[in-house]
């Protein structure tokens, strides 16, 4: 029972940290601000996390594990068809659970800090490598099945990853004009340009945002 309470308290503080970063930014996030957001005393925060750096690192680990679990679960539930698996990743990446201003603003904050924080950089790099490995493997299966022997699975996977990251930034820059379904359609149209037989049935392209349009 005590271990369960400890786990729930740490998760409560991590969620409060995410809220604090999303609201005030990275630099203005302090242990006292997190305590206020969590409606807990400063002493409780200090009991679980001795330093701000420790809390931030665990928050990033939490976000990375949550995100990786989401797209791995989507792939597992999509079945054996690689096209369905790739489409499931798009649905997850641009679905509300992942692609929302609260989460994306925190990811952007950590990406910015990763240049000066080696631990952040290692975590972000590993997550990116794991994501690319998964999408590359799925794309390789589509290439083999469709006979696209001249296609470069690594380049296509990097292109999809860059497109998703760009659409996440569109959400941050111009949220009023961001259209989640149009963003998914933009990714599918990119894939239709590479795999016309597999993704041709998605319809005409529409603007995901002002910049994507």
N, C-alpha and C. Protein backbone atom coordinates (compact mmCIF):
# COMPACT_ATOMS: atom_id res chain seq x y z
N UNK A 1 0.83 -1.20 0.00
CA UNK A 1 0.00 0.00 0.00
C UNK A 1 0.86 1.25 0.00
N UNK A 2 1.91 1.26 0.82
CA UNK A 2 2.78 2.44 0.89
C UNK A 2 3.48 2.69 -0.44
N UNK A 3 3.90 1.61 -1.11
CA UNK A 3 4.57 1.78 -2.40
C UNK A 3 3.61 2.34 -3.44
N UNK A 4 2.32 1.93 -3.35
CA UNK A 4 1.32 2.47 -4.28
C UNK A 4 1.13 3.96 -4.06
N UNK A 5 1.07 4.37 -2.81
CA UNK A 5 0.92 5.79 -2.49
C UNK A 5 2.12 6.58 -2.99
N UNK A 6 3.30 6.01 -2.79
CA UNK A 6 4.52 6.67 -3.25
C UNK A 6 4.51 6.84 -4.76
N UNK A 7 4.09 5.80 -5.47
CA UNK A 7 4.02 5.87 -6.93
C UNK A 7 3.02 6.93 -7.39
N UNK A 8 1.85 6.95 -6.77
CA UNK A 8 0.83 7.92 -7.14
C UNK A 8 1.27 9.34 -6.84
N UNK A 9 1.98 9.53 -5.73
CA UNK A 9 2.45 10.87 -5.37
C UNK A 9 3.50 11.37 -6.37
N UNK A 10 4.40 10.49 -6.77
CA UNK A 10 5.41 10.89 -7.75
C UNK A 10 4.75 11.23 -9.09
N UNK A 11 3.76 10.43 -9.48
CA UNK A 11 3.06 10.71 -10.73
C UNK A 11 2.28 12.02 -10.64
N UNK A 12 1.71 12.30 -9.48
CA UNK A 12 1.00 13.57 -9.26
C UNK A 12 1.96 14.75 -9.44
N UNK A 13 3.16 14.61 -8.91
CA UNK A 13 4.14 15.69 -9.03
C UNK A 13 4.65 15.84 -10.47
N UNK A 14 4.78 14.74 -11.17
CA UNK A 14 5.21 14.81 -12.57
C UNK A 14 4.14 15.48 -13.41
N UNK A 15 2.88 15.12 -13.20
CA UNK A 15 1.79 15.77 -13.94
C UNK A 15 1.74 17.26 -13.62
N UNK A 16 2.00 17.61 -12.38
CA UNK A 16 2.04 19.03 -12.00
C UNK A 16 3.20 19.74 -12.67
N UNK A 17 4.31 19.04 -12.84
CA UNK A 17 5.47 19.61 -13.54
C UNK A 17 5.14 19.86 -15.00
N UNK A 18 4.46 18.91 -15.63
CA UNK A 18 4.05 19.09 -17.02
C UNK A 18 3.14 20.31 -17.15
N UNK A 19 2.19 20.44 -16.23
CA UNK A 19 1.29 21.59 -16.26
C UNK A 19 2.05 22.90 -16.05
N UNK A 20 3.02 22.88 -15.16
CA UNK A 20 3.78 24.09 -14.84
C UNK A 20 4.63 24.53 -16.03
N UNK A 21 5.32 23.57 -16.66
CA UNK A 21 6.14 23.91 -17.83
C UNK A 21 5.25 24.44 -18.95
N UNK A 22 4.11 23.77 -19.17
CA UNK A 22 3.20 24.20 -20.24
C UNK A 22 2.67 25.61 -19.99
N UNK A 23 2.49 25.96 -18.73
CA UNK A 23 1.90 27.27 -18.40
C UNK A 23 2.92 28.38 -18.27
N UNK A 24 4.06 28.08 -17.64
CA UNK A 24 5.02 29.13 -17.31
C UNK A 24 6.33 29.05 -18.09
N UNK A 25 6.58 27.93 -18.76
CA UNK A 25 7.84 27.77 -19.45
C UNK A 25 8.87 27.08 -18.58
N UNK A 26 9.95 26.68 -19.22
CA UNK A 26 10.97 25.86 -18.56
C UNK A 26 11.70 26.63 -17.46
N UNK A 27 12.11 27.85 -17.76
CA UNK A 27 12.94 28.61 -16.83
C UNK A 27 12.19 29.00 -15.56
N UNK A 28 10.89 29.25 -15.68
CA UNK A 28 10.11 29.69 -14.52
C UNK A 28 9.52 28.54 -13.72
N UNK A 29 9.81 27.32 -14.15
CA UNK A 29 9.35 26.16 -13.40
C UNK A 29 10.28 25.92 -12.21
N UNK A 30 9.74 25.97 -11.02
CA UNK A 30 10.50 25.76 -9.79
C UNK A 30 9.80 24.70 -8.95
N UNK A 31 10.51 24.18 -7.96
CA UNK A 31 9.89 23.20 -7.06
C UNK A 31 8.71 23.81 -6.32
N UNK A 32 8.83 25.06 -5.93
CA UNK A 32 7.72 25.70 -5.22
C UNK A 32 6.51 25.89 -6.14
N UNK A 33 6.76 26.20 -7.41
CA UNK A 33 5.66 26.36 -8.37
C UNK A 33 4.98 25.02 -8.62
N UNK A 34 5.77 23.95 -8.69
CA UNK A 34 5.21 22.61 -8.87
C UNK A 34 4.38 22.22 -7.66
N UNK A 35 4.88 22.54 -6.46
CA UNK A 35 4.14 22.24 -5.24
C UNK A 35 2.79 22.96 -5.24
N UNK A 36 2.80 24.21 -5.66
CA UNK A 36 1.56 24.99 -5.74
C UNK A 36 0.60 24.38 -6.74
N UNK A 37 1.12 23.98 -7.90
CA UNK A 37 0.28 23.38 -8.94
C UNK A 37 -0.32 22.06 -8.48
N UNK A 38 0.46 21.28 -7.73
CA UNK A 38 0.00 19.98 -7.23
C UNK A 38 -0.84 20.10 -5.97
N UNK A 39 -0.91 21.32 -5.41
CA UNK A 39 -1.62 21.56 -4.14
C UNK A 39 -1.02 20.73 -3.02
N UNK A 40 0.31 20.71 -2.98
CA UNK A 40 1.05 20.00 -1.95
C UNK A 40 2.05 20.95 -1.32
N UNK A 41 2.57 20.55 -0.17
CA UNK A 41 3.55 21.39 0.50
C UNK A 41 4.91 21.26 -0.17
N UNK A 42 5.74 22.28 0.01
CA UNK A 42 7.10 22.25 -0.51
C UNK A 42 7.88 21.08 0.10
N UNK A 43 7.58 20.77 1.35
CA UNK A 43 8.27 19.66 2.01
C UNK A 43 8.02 18.33 1.34
N UNK A 44 6.79 18.10 0.88
CA UNK A 44 6.47 16.84 0.20
C UNK A 44 7.22 16.75 -1.12
N UNK A 45 7.26 17.86 -1.84
CA UNK A 45 8.00 17.87 -3.11
C UNK A 45 9.47 17.56 -2.85
N UNK A 46 10.05 18.19 -1.85
CA UNK A 46 11.47 17.96 -1.53
C UNK A 46 11.73 16.54 -1.04
N UNK A 47 10.73 15.92 -0.45
CA UNK A 47 10.89 14.54 0.00
C UNK A 47 11.06 13.60 -1.19
N UNK A 48 10.31 13.83 -2.26
CA UNK A 48 10.37 12.95 -3.43
C UNK A 48 11.44 13.36 -4.44
N UNK A 49 11.69 14.66 -4.52
CA UNK A 49 12.67 15.16 -5.49
C UNK A 49 13.55 16.21 -4.81
N UNK A 50 14.81 15.89 -4.68
CA UNK A 50 15.73 16.78 -3.95
C UNK A 50 16.06 18.03 -4.76
N UNK A 51 16.05 17.90 -6.08
CA UNK A 51 16.44 19.03 -6.94
C UNK A 51 15.46 19.17 -8.09
N UNK A 52 15.45 20.34 -8.67
CA UNK A 52 14.64 20.60 -9.86
C UNK A 52 15.12 19.74 -11.02
N UNK A 53 16.43 19.58 -11.16
CA UNK A 53 16.98 18.77 -12.25
C UNK A 53 16.49 17.34 -12.17
N UNK A 54 16.44 16.80 -10.96
CA UNK A 54 15.96 15.43 -10.78
C UNK A 54 14.49 15.29 -11.17
N UNK A 55 13.69 16.26 -10.80
CA UNK A 55 12.27 16.24 -11.14
C UNK A 55 12.08 16.37 -12.65
N UNK A 56 12.85 17.25 -13.28
CA UNK A 56 12.73 17.43 -14.72
C UNK A 56 13.14 16.18 -15.49
N UNK A 57 14.23 15.55 -15.04
CA UNK A 57 14.68 14.34 -15.71
C UNK A 57 13.63 13.24 -15.62
N UNK A 58 13.04 13.07 -14.45
CA UNK A 58 12.02 12.03 -14.29
C UNK A 58 10.76 12.37 -15.09
N UNK A 59 10.47 13.65 -15.21
CA UNK A 59 9.33 14.07 -16.03
C UNK A 59 9.56 13.72 -17.50
N UNK A 60 10.76 13.97 -17.99
CA UNK A 60 11.07 13.61 -19.37
C UNK A 60 11.02 12.10 -19.57
N UNK A 61 11.53 11.34 -18.61
CA UNK A 61 11.46 9.87 -18.69
C UNK A 61 10.01 9.40 -18.75
N UNK A 62 9.16 10.03 -17.94
CA UNK A 62 7.74 9.69 -17.91
C UNK A 62 7.10 9.97 -19.27
N UNK A 63 7.38 11.15 -19.84
CA UNK A 63 6.81 11.51 -21.14
C UNK A 63 7.29 10.57 -22.24
N UNK A 64 8.59 10.24 -22.21
CA UNK A 64 9.16 9.36 -23.23
C UNK A 64 8.54 7.96 -23.17
N UNK A 65 8.40 7.43 -21.96
CA UNK A 65 7.80 6.10 -21.80
C UNK A 65 6.33 6.11 -22.22
N UNK A 66 5.62 7.17 -21.86
CA UNK A 66 4.20 7.28 -22.22
C UNK A 66 4.04 7.34 -23.74
N UNK A 67 4.88 8.17 -24.39
CA UNK A 67 4.76 8.32 -25.84
C UNK A 67 5.13 7.03 -26.57
N UNK A 68 6.23 6.41 -26.16
CA UNK A 68 6.64 5.17 -26.82
C UNK A 68 5.59 4.08 -26.64
N UNK A 69 5.03 3.99 -25.45
CA UNK A 69 3.99 2.99 -25.20
C UNK A 69 2.77 3.23 -26.09
N UNK A 70 2.46 4.50 -26.37
CA UNK A 70 1.27 4.81 -27.17
C UNK A 70 1.41 4.32 -28.60
N UNK A 71 2.57 4.60 -29.24
CA UNK A 71 2.67 4.15 -30.63
C UNK A 71 2.99 2.66 -30.76
N UNK A 72 3.66 2.10 -29.76
CA UNK A 72 3.87 0.64 -29.80
C UNK A 72 2.54 -0.09 -29.63
N UNK A 73 1.69 0.43 -28.76
CA UNK A 73 0.37 -0.17 -28.57
C UNK A 73 -0.46 -0.05 -29.85
N UNK A 74 -0.39 1.09 -30.51
CA UNK A 74 -1.13 1.30 -31.75
C UNK A 74 -0.68 0.31 -32.83
N UNK A 75 0.62 0.11 -32.94
CA UNK A 75 1.15 -0.84 -33.93
C UNK A 75 0.70 -2.26 -33.60
N UNK A 76 0.76 -2.64 -32.33
CA UNK A 76 0.37 -3.98 -31.92
C UNK A 76 -1.10 -4.26 -32.22
N UNK A 77 -1.94 -3.23 -32.04
CA UNK A 77 -3.38 -3.41 -32.25
C UNK A 77 -3.78 -3.34 -33.72
N UNK A 78 -2.87 -2.86 -34.56
CA UNK A 78 -3.21 -2.67 -35.98
C UNK A 78 -3.22 -3.97 -36.77
N UNK A 79 -2.61 -5.03 -36.23
CA UNK A 79 -2.58 -6.29 -36.94
C UNK A 79 -1.33 -6.44 -37.81
N UNK A 80 -1.31 -7.45 -38.67
CA UNK A 80 -0.09 -7.77 -39.44
C UNK A 80 0.15 -6.87 -40.65
N UNK A 81 -0.84 -6.10 -41.09
CA UNK A 81 -0.71 -5.29 -42.30
C UNK A 81 0.18 -4.08 -42.02
N UNK A 82 1.33 -3.93 -42.72
CA UNK A 82 2.21 -2.79 -42.45
C UNK A 82 1.59 -1.44 -42.80
N UNK A 83 0.70 -1.39 -43.79
CA UNK A 83 0.03 -0.14 -44.12
C UNK A 83 -0.86 0.30 -42.97
N UNK A 84 -1.59 -0.65 -42.40
CA UNK A 84 -2.44 -0.34 -41.24
C UNK A 84 -1.59 0.10 -40.05
N UNK A 85 -0.42 -0.51 -39.90
CA UNK A 85 0.47 -0.16 -38.79
C UNK A 85 0.98 1.27 -38.93
N UNK A 86 1.40 1.65 -40.15
CA UNK A 86 1.89 3.00 -40.38
C UNK A 86 0.77 4.03 -40.20
N UNK A 87 -0.42 3.67 -40.66
CA UNK A 87 -1.56 4.56 -40.49
C UNK A 87 -1.91 4.71 -39.00
N UNK A 88 -1.74 3.65 -38.23
CA UNK A 88 -2.01 3.71 -36.79
C UNK A 88 -1.03 4.64 -36.09
N UNK A 89 0.21 4.67 -36.56
CA UNK A 89 1.19 5.60 -35.98
C UNK A 89 0.79 7.04 -36.25
N UNK A 90 0.32 7.31 -37.48
CA UNK A 90 -0.14 8.66 -37.82
C UNK A 90 -1.31 9.05 -36.92
N UNK A 91 -2.27 8.15 -36.76
CA UNK A 91 -3.42 8.42 -35.90
C UNK A 91 -2.99 8.73 -34.47
N UNK A 92 -2.00 8.00 -33.99
CA UNK A 92 -1.51 8.21 -32.63
C UNK A 92 -0.75 9.53 -32.51
N UNK A 93 0.18 9.76 -33.43
CA UNK A 93 1.01 10.96 -33.38
C UNK A 93 0.19 12.25 -33.44
N UNK A 94 -0.93 12.21 -34.17
CA UNK A 94 -1.73 13.42 -34.36
C UNK A 94 -3.09 13.33 -33.68
N UNK A 95 -3.26 12.31 -32.85
CA UNK A 95 -4.47 12.20 -32.05
C UNK A 95 -4.39 13.12 -30.84
N UNK A 96 -5.52 13.37 -30.22
CA UNK A 96 -5.58 14.37 -29.15
C UNK A 96 -4.75 13.97 -27.93
N UNK A 97 -4.64 12.68 -27.65
CA UNK A 97 -3.90 12.25 -26.46
C UNK A 97 -2.43 12.64 -26.54
N UNK A 98 -1.85 12.59 -27.72
CA UNK A 98 -0.43 12.92 -27.92
C UNK A 98 -0.27 14.35 -28.41
N UNK A 99 -1.04 14.70 -29.43
CA UNK A 99 -0.89 16.00 -30.09
C UNK A 99 -1.85 17.02 -29.47
N UNK A 100 -1.48 17.53 -28.31
CA UNK A 100 -2.24 18.60 -27.67
C UNK A 100 -1.25 19.66 -27.18
N UNK A 101 -1.71 20.88 -27.00
CA UNK A 101 -0.80 21.98 -26.69
C UNK A 101 -0.05 21.75 -25.38
N UNK A 102 -0.68 21.14 -24.42
CA UNK A 102 -0.03 20.89 -23.12
C UNK A 102 1.19 20.01 -23.30
N UNK A 103 1.02 18.88 -23.96
CA UNK A 103 2.13 17.94 -24.13
C UNK A 103 3.17 18.47 -25.10
N UNK A 104 2.72 19.00 -26.22
CA UNK A 104 3.67 19.45 -27.24
C UNK A 104 4.52 20.60 -26.74
N UNK A 105 3.94 21.52 -25.97
CA UNK A 105 4.72 22.65 -25.45
C UNK A 105 5.82 22.15 -24.51
N UNK A 106 5.55 21.08 -23.77
CA UNK A 106 6.56 20.53 -22.88
C UNK A 106 7.65 19.82 -23.67
N UNK A 107 7.26 19.09 -24.72
CA UNK A 107 8.27 18.47 -25.58
C UNK A 107 9.18 19.52 -26.20
N UNK A 108 8.59 20.61 -26.69
CA UNK A 108 9.39 21.67 -27.29
C UNK A 108 10.36 22.26 -26.27
N UNK A 109 9.89 22.41 -25.03
CA UNK A 109 10.76 22.94 -23.98
C UNK A 109 11.95 22.01 -23.72
N UNK A 110 11.70 20.72 -23.67
CA UNK A 110 12.79 19.77 -23.43
C UNK A 110 13.73 19.70 -24.62
N UNK A 111 13.18 19.77 -25.84
CA UNK A 111 14.05 19.77 -27.02
C UNK A 111 15.01 20.95 -26.98
N UNK A 112 14.50 22.12 -26.57
CA UNK A 112 15.35 23.30 -26.48
C UNK A 112 16.44 23.15 -25.45
N UNK A 113 16.13 22.52 -24.33
CA UNK A 113 17.11 22.35 -23.26
C UNK A 113 18.10 21.22 -23.55
N UNK A 114 17.75 20.33 -24.47
CA UNK A 114 18.60 19.15 -24.71
C UNK A 114 19.98 19.53 -25.25
N UNK A 115 20.10 20.73 -25.84
CA UNK A 115 21.39 21.15 -26.36
C UNK A 115 22.41 21.38 -25.25
N UNK A 116 21.92 21.75 -24.07
CA UNK A 116 22.84 22.03 -22.96
C UNK A 116 22.73 21.01 -21.83
N UNK A 117 21.81 20.05 -21.98
CA UNK A 117 21.61 19.03 -20.95
C UNK A 117 21.84 17.64 -21.55
N UNK A 118 23.01 17.04 -21.34
CA UNK A 118 23.31 15.75 -21.97
C UNK A 118 22.31 14.65 -21.64
N UNK A 119 21.78 14.64 -20.41
CA UNK A 119 20.82 13.60 -20.06
C UNK A 119 19.54 13.75 -20.86
N UNK A 120 19.08 14.97 -21.04
CA UNK A 120 17.90 15.21 -21.86
C UNK A 120 18.17 14.79 -23.29
N UNK A 121 19.34 15.15 -23.80
CA UNK A 121 19.68 14.85 -25.18
C UNK A 121 19.73 13.34 -25.42
N UNK A 122 20.29 12.59 -24.47
CA UNK A 122 20.36 11.14 -24.62
C UNK A 122 18.97 10.52 -24.65
N UNK A 123 18.08 10.99 -23.77
CA UNK A 123 16.73 10.45 -23.73
C UNK A 123 15.97 10.76 -25.02
N UNK A 124 16.05 12.02 -25.46
CA UNK A 124 15.36 12.42 -26.68
C UNK A 124 15.92 11.68 -27.89
N UNK A 125 17.24 11.50 -27.93
CA UNK A 125 17.87 10.80 -29.04
C UNK A 125 17.46 9.33 -29.07
N UNK A 126 17.40 8.69 -27.91
CA UNK A 126 17.00 7.28 -27.86
C UNK A 126 15.55 7.12 -28.31
N UNK A 127 14.69 8.02 -27.85
CA UNK A 127 13.28 7.94 -28.25
C UNK A 127 13.15 8.11 -29.75
N UNK A 128 13.86 9.08 -30.31
CA UNK A 128 13.82 9.30 -31.75
C UNK A 128 14.35 8.10 -32.52
N UNK A 129 15.43 7.50 -32.02
CA UNK A 129 16.01 6.33 -32.69
C UNK A 129 15.04 5.15 -32.66
N UNK A 130 14.37 4.95 -31.52
CA UNK A 130 13.41 3.84 -31.40
C UNK A 130 12.21 4.05 -32.34
N UNK A 131 11.74 5.30 -32.40
CA UNK A 131 10.62 5.62 -33.29
C UNK A 131 11.02 5.37 -34.74
N UNK A 132 12.19 5.86 -35.14
CA UNK A 132 12.65 5.68 -36.52
C UNK A 132 12.87 4.20 -36.85
N UNK A 133 13.38 3.45 -35.89
CA UNK A 133 13.58 2.02 -36.11
C UNK A 133 12.24 1.33 -36.37
N UNK A 134 11.22 1.70 -35.60
CA UNK A 134 9.91 1.10 -35.78
C UNK A 134 9.30 1.47 -37.13
N UNK A 135 9.30 2.77 -37.46
CA UNK A 135 8.72 3.19 -38.74
C UNK A 135 9.53 2.66 -39.92
N UNK A 136 10.85 2.61 -39.78
CA UNK A 136 11.70 2.08 -40.85
C UNK A 136 11.37 0.61 -41.12
N UNK A 137 11.17 -0.14 -40.06
CA UNK A 137 10.85 -1.57 -40.22
C UNK A 137 9.51 -1.75 -40.92
N UNK A 138 8.52 -0.95 -40.54
CA UNK A 138 7.20 -1.04 -41.18
C UNK A 138 7.29 -0.63 -42.65
N UNK A 139 7.99 0.46 -42.91
CA UNK A 139 8.14 0.94 -44.29
C UNK A 139 8.90 -0.08 -45.14
N UNK A 140 9.89 -0.73 -44.57
CA UNK A 140 10.63 -1.76 -45.30
C UNK A 140 9.71 -2.90 -45.73
N UNK A 141 8.76 -3.24 -44.88
CA UNK A 141 7.80 -4.30 -45.24
C UNK A 141 6.88 -3.85 -46.38
N UNK A 142 6.48 -2.58 -46.38
CA UNK A 142 5.67 -2.07 -47.48
C UNK A 142 6.47 -2.09 -48.78
N UNK A 143 7.73 -1.70 -48.69
CA UNK A 143 8.60 -1.71 -49.88
C UNK A 143 8.73 -3.11 -50.44
N UNK A 144 8.98 -4.08 -49.57
CA UNK A 144 9.14 -5.46 -50.02
C UNK A 144 7.86 -6.00 -50.63
N UNK A 145 6.75 -5.72 -49.97
CA UNK A 145 5.48 -6.26 -50.44
C UNK A 145 5.04 -5.60 -51.75
N UNK A 146 5.29 -4.30 -51.89
CA UNK A 146 4.83 -3.59 -53.07
C UNK A 146 5.82 -3.56 -54.22
N UNK A 147 7.01 -4.09 -53.99
CA UNK A 147 8.01 -4.11 -55.05
C UNK A 147 8.65 -2.76 -55.33
N UNK A 148 8.72 -1.90 -54.30
CA UNK A 148 9.34 -0.58 -54.47
C UNK A 148 10.84 -0.67 -54.16
N UNK A 149 11.55 -1.40 -54.97
CA UNK A 149 12.92 -1.74 -54.63
C UNK A 149 13.87 -0.54 -54.65
N UNK A 150 13.52 0.52 -55.35
CA UNK A 150 14.39 1.70 -55.41
C UNK A 150 14.12 2.68 -54.26
N UNK A 151 13.13 2.39 -53.46
CA UNK A 151 12.80 3.29 -52.35
C UNK A 151 13.78 3.11 -51.19
N UNK A 152 14.02 4.19 -50.48
CA UNK A 152 14.93 4.21 -49.32
C UNK A 152 14.08 4.29 -48.05
N UNK A 153 13.98 3.18 -47.34
CA UNK A 153 13.14 3.13 -46.15
C UNK A 153 13.58 4.13 -45.09
N UNK A 154 14.87 4.31 -44.95
CA UNK A 154 15.38 5.24 -43.93
C UNK A 154 14.99 6.68 -44.26
N UNK A 155 15.12 7.06 -45.52
CA UNK A 155 14.77 8.42 -45.93
C UNK A 155 13.28 8.68 -45.78
N UNK A 156 12.45 7.70 -46.11
CA UNK A 156 11.00 7.86 -45.98
C UNK A 156 10.61 7.98 -44.51
N UNK A 157 11.24 7.17 -43.66
CA UNK A 157 10.95 7.23 -42.23
C UNK A 157 11.35 8.58 -41.65
N UNK A 158 12.51 9.08 -42.03
CA UNK A 158 12.94 10.40 -41.57
C UNK A 158 11.99 11.50 -42.07
N UNK A 159 11.52 11.36 -43.30
CA UNK A 159 10.59 12.34 -43.84
C UNK A 159 9.29 12.38 -43.06
N UNK A 160 8.76 11.20 -42.72
CA UNK A 160 7.52 11.14 -41.95
C UNK A 160 7.72 11.73 -40.55
N UNK A 161 8.85 11.40 -39.93
CA UNK A 161 9.14 11.92 -38.59
C UNK A 161 9.25 13.45 -38.62
N UNK A 162 9.95 13.98 -39.62
CA UNK A 162 10.10 15.43 -39.73
C UNK A 162 8.75 16.09 -39.97
N UNK A 163 7.89 15.45 -40.74
CA UNK A 163 6.58 16.02 -41.02
C UNK A 163 5.72 16.07 -39.75
N UNK A 164 5.74 15.00 -38.98
CA UNK A 164 4.98 14.98 -37.73
C UNK A 164 5.49 16.05 -36.77
N UNK A 165 6.81 16.16 -36.64
CA UNK A 165 7.38 17.19 -35.76
C UNK A 165 6.97 18.60 -36.22
N UNK A 166 6.97 18.81 -37.53
CA UNK A 166 6.57 20.10 -38.07
C UNK A 166 5.11 20.41 -37.78
N UNK A 167 4.26 19.39 -37.87
CA UNK A 167 2.84 19.59 -37.58
C UNK A 167 2.61 19.85 -36.10
N UNK A 168 3.40 19.21 -35.25
CA UNK A 168 3.33 19.53 -33.81
C UNK A 168 3.66 21.00 -33.58
N UNK A 169 4.68 21.50 -34.27
CA UNK A 169 5.04 22.91 -34.13
C UNK A 169 3.95 23.82 -34.68
N UNK A 170 3.27 23.38 -35.74
CA UNK A 170 2.14 24.16 -36.25
C UNK A 170 1.07 24.34 -35.18
N UNK A 171 0.83 23.29 -34.41
CA UNK A 171 -0.14 23.38 -33.32
C UNK A 171 0.26 24.44 -32.31
N UNK A 172 1.56 24.55 -32.04
CA UNK A 172 2.04 25.54 -31.08
C UNK A 172 1.98 26.96 -31.66
N UNK A 173 2.33 27.10 -32.94
CA UNK A 173 2.45 28.42 -33.55
C UNK A 173 1.08 29.01 -33.90
N UNK A 174 0.19 28.17 -34.41
CA UNK A 174 -1.09 28.68 -34.90
C UNK A 174 -2.23 27.74 -34.51
N UNK A 175 -2.51 27.63 -33.21
CA UNK A 175 -3.50 26.65 -32.75
C UNK A 175 -4.91 26.88 -33.28
N UNK A 176 -5.27 28.15 -33.52
CA UNK A 176 -6.62 28.44 -33.99
C UNK A 176 -6.89 27.88 -35.38
N UNK A 177 -5.85 27.74 -36.18
CA UNK A 177 -6.02 27.25 -37.55
C UNK A 177 -5.53 25.81 -37.71
N UNK A 178 -5.16 25.18 -36.63
CA UNK A 178 -4.68 23.80 -36.72
C UNK A 178 -5.87 22.86 -36.81
N UNK A 179 -5.83 21.98 -37.78
CA UNK A 179 -6.90 21.01 -38.01
C UNK A 179 -6.29 19.61 -37.89
N UNK A 180 -6.70 18.90 -36.86
CA UNK A 180 -6.08 17.60 -36.58
C UNK A 180 -6.28 16.61 -37.73
N UNK A 181 -7.50 16.54 -38.26
CA UNK A 181 -7.78 15.59 -39.33
C UNK A 181 -7.04 15.98 -40.61
N UNK A 182 -6.92 17.28 -40.85
CA UNK A 182 -6.18 17.73 -42.02
C UNK A 182 -4.70 17.42 -41.88
N UNK A 183 -4.18 17.48 -40.64
CA UNK A 183 -2.78 17.14 -40.39
C UNK A 183 -2.53 15.66 -40.70
N UNK A 184 -3.44 14.81 -40.29
CA UNK A 184 -3.32 13.38 -40.60
C UNK A 184 -3.36 13.16 -42.12
N UNK A 185 -4.27 13.89 -42.77
CA UNK A 185 -4.39 13.76 -44.22
C UNK A 185 -3.11 14.20 -44.94
N UNK A 186 -2.48 15.24 -44.40
CA UNK A 186 -1.23 15.70 -45.00
C UNK A 186 -0.17 14.61 -44.95
N UNK A 187 -0.07 13.91 -43.81
CA UNK A 187 0.89 12.80 -43.69
C UNK A 187 0.55 11.67 -44.65
N UNK A 188 -0.74 11.38 -44.77
CA UNK A 188 -1.14 10.30 -45.68
C UNK A 188 -0.89 10.66 -47.13
N UNK A 189 -1.03 11.93 -47.47
CA UNK A 189 -0.73 12.34 -48.83
C UNK A 189 0.76 12.27 -49.12
N UNK A 190 1.59 12.56 -48.10
CA UNK A 190 3.03 12.36 -48.27
C UNK A 190 3.31 10.88 -48.57
N UNK A 191 2.69 10.00 -47.81
CA UNK A 191 2.91 8.57 -48.03
C UNK A 191 2.33 8.11 -49.36
N UNK A 192 1.21 8.75 -49.80
CA UNK A 192 0.64 8.40 -51.10
C UNK A 192 1.57 8.76 -52.24
N UNK A 193 2.39 9.80 -52.04
CA UNK A 193 3.34 10.18 -53.09
C UNK A 193 4.47 9.17 -53.19
N UNK A 194 4.67 8.42 -52.11
CA UNK A 194 5.74 7.41 -52.08
C UNK A 194 5.19 6.03 -52.38
N UNK A 195 4.02 5.73 -51.81
CA UNK A 195 3.37 4.43 -51.98
C UNK A 195 1.97 4.64 -52.57
N UNK A 196 1.86 4.94 -53.86
CA UNK A 196 0.56 5.29 -54.45
C UNK A 196 -0.48 4.18 -54.36
N UNK A 197 -0.06 2.94 -54.50
CA UNK A 197 -1.03 1.85 -54.46
C UNK A 197 -1.60 1.65 -53.06
N UNK A 198 -0.80 1.93 -52.06
CA UNK A 198 -1.22 1.66 -50.68
C UNK A 198 -1.96 2.83 -50.04
N UNK A 199 -1.63 4.06 -50.40
CA UNK A 199 -2.23 5.22 -49.74
C UNK A 199 -3.02 6.12 -50.70
N UNK A 200 -3.33 5.64 -51.91
CA UNK A 200 -3.99 6.48 -52.91
C UNK A 200 -5.45 6.75 -52.59
N UNK A 201 -6.05 5.96 -51.72
CA UNK A 201 -7.49 6.07 -51.49
C UNK A 201 -7.87 7.08 -50.42
N UNK A 202 -6.91 7.91 -49.99
CA UNK A 202 -7.21 8.82 -48.88
C UNK A 202 -7.85 10.12 -49.32
N UNK A 203 -7.93 10.39 -50.62
CA UNK A 203 -8.60 11.59 -51.09
C UNK A 203 -7.65 12.73 -51.34
N UNK A 204 -8.18 13.88 -51.79
CA UNK A 204 -7.33 15.03 -52.14
C UNK A 204 -6.73 15.67 -50.91
N UNK A 205 -5.56 16.29 -51.05
CA UNK A 205 -4.93 16.93 -49.90
C UNK A 205 -5.67 18.20 -49.48
N UNK A 206 -5.67 18.46 -48.17
CA UNK A 206 -6.20 19.70 -47.64
C UNK A 206 -5.18 20.28 -46.69
N UNK A 207 -5.29 21.58 -46.40
CA UNK A 207 -4.29 22.24 -45.57
C UNK A 207 -4.41 21.80 -44.13
N UNK A 208 -3.31 21.35 -43.54
CA UNK A 208 -3.29 21.00 -42.12
C UNK A 208 -3.21 22.25 -41.27
N UNK A 209 -2.64 23.30 -41.80
CA UNK A 209 -2.55 24.58 -41.11
C UNK A 209 -2.13 25.59 -42.16
N UNK A 210 -1.97 26.81 -41.80
CA UNK A 210 -1.54 27.81 -42.78
C UNK A 210 -0.20 27.45 -43.39
N UNK A 211 0.74 27.05 -42.52
CA UNK A 211 2.10 26.75 -43.01
C UNK A 211 2.09 25.48 -43.85
N UNK A 212 1.39 24.43 -43.37
CA UNK A 212 1.35 23.18 -44.13
C UNK A 212 0.64 23.38 -45.45
N UNK A 213 -0.37 24.29 -45.46
CA UNK A 213 -1.10 24.54 -46.71
C UNK A 213 -0.22 25.18 -47.73
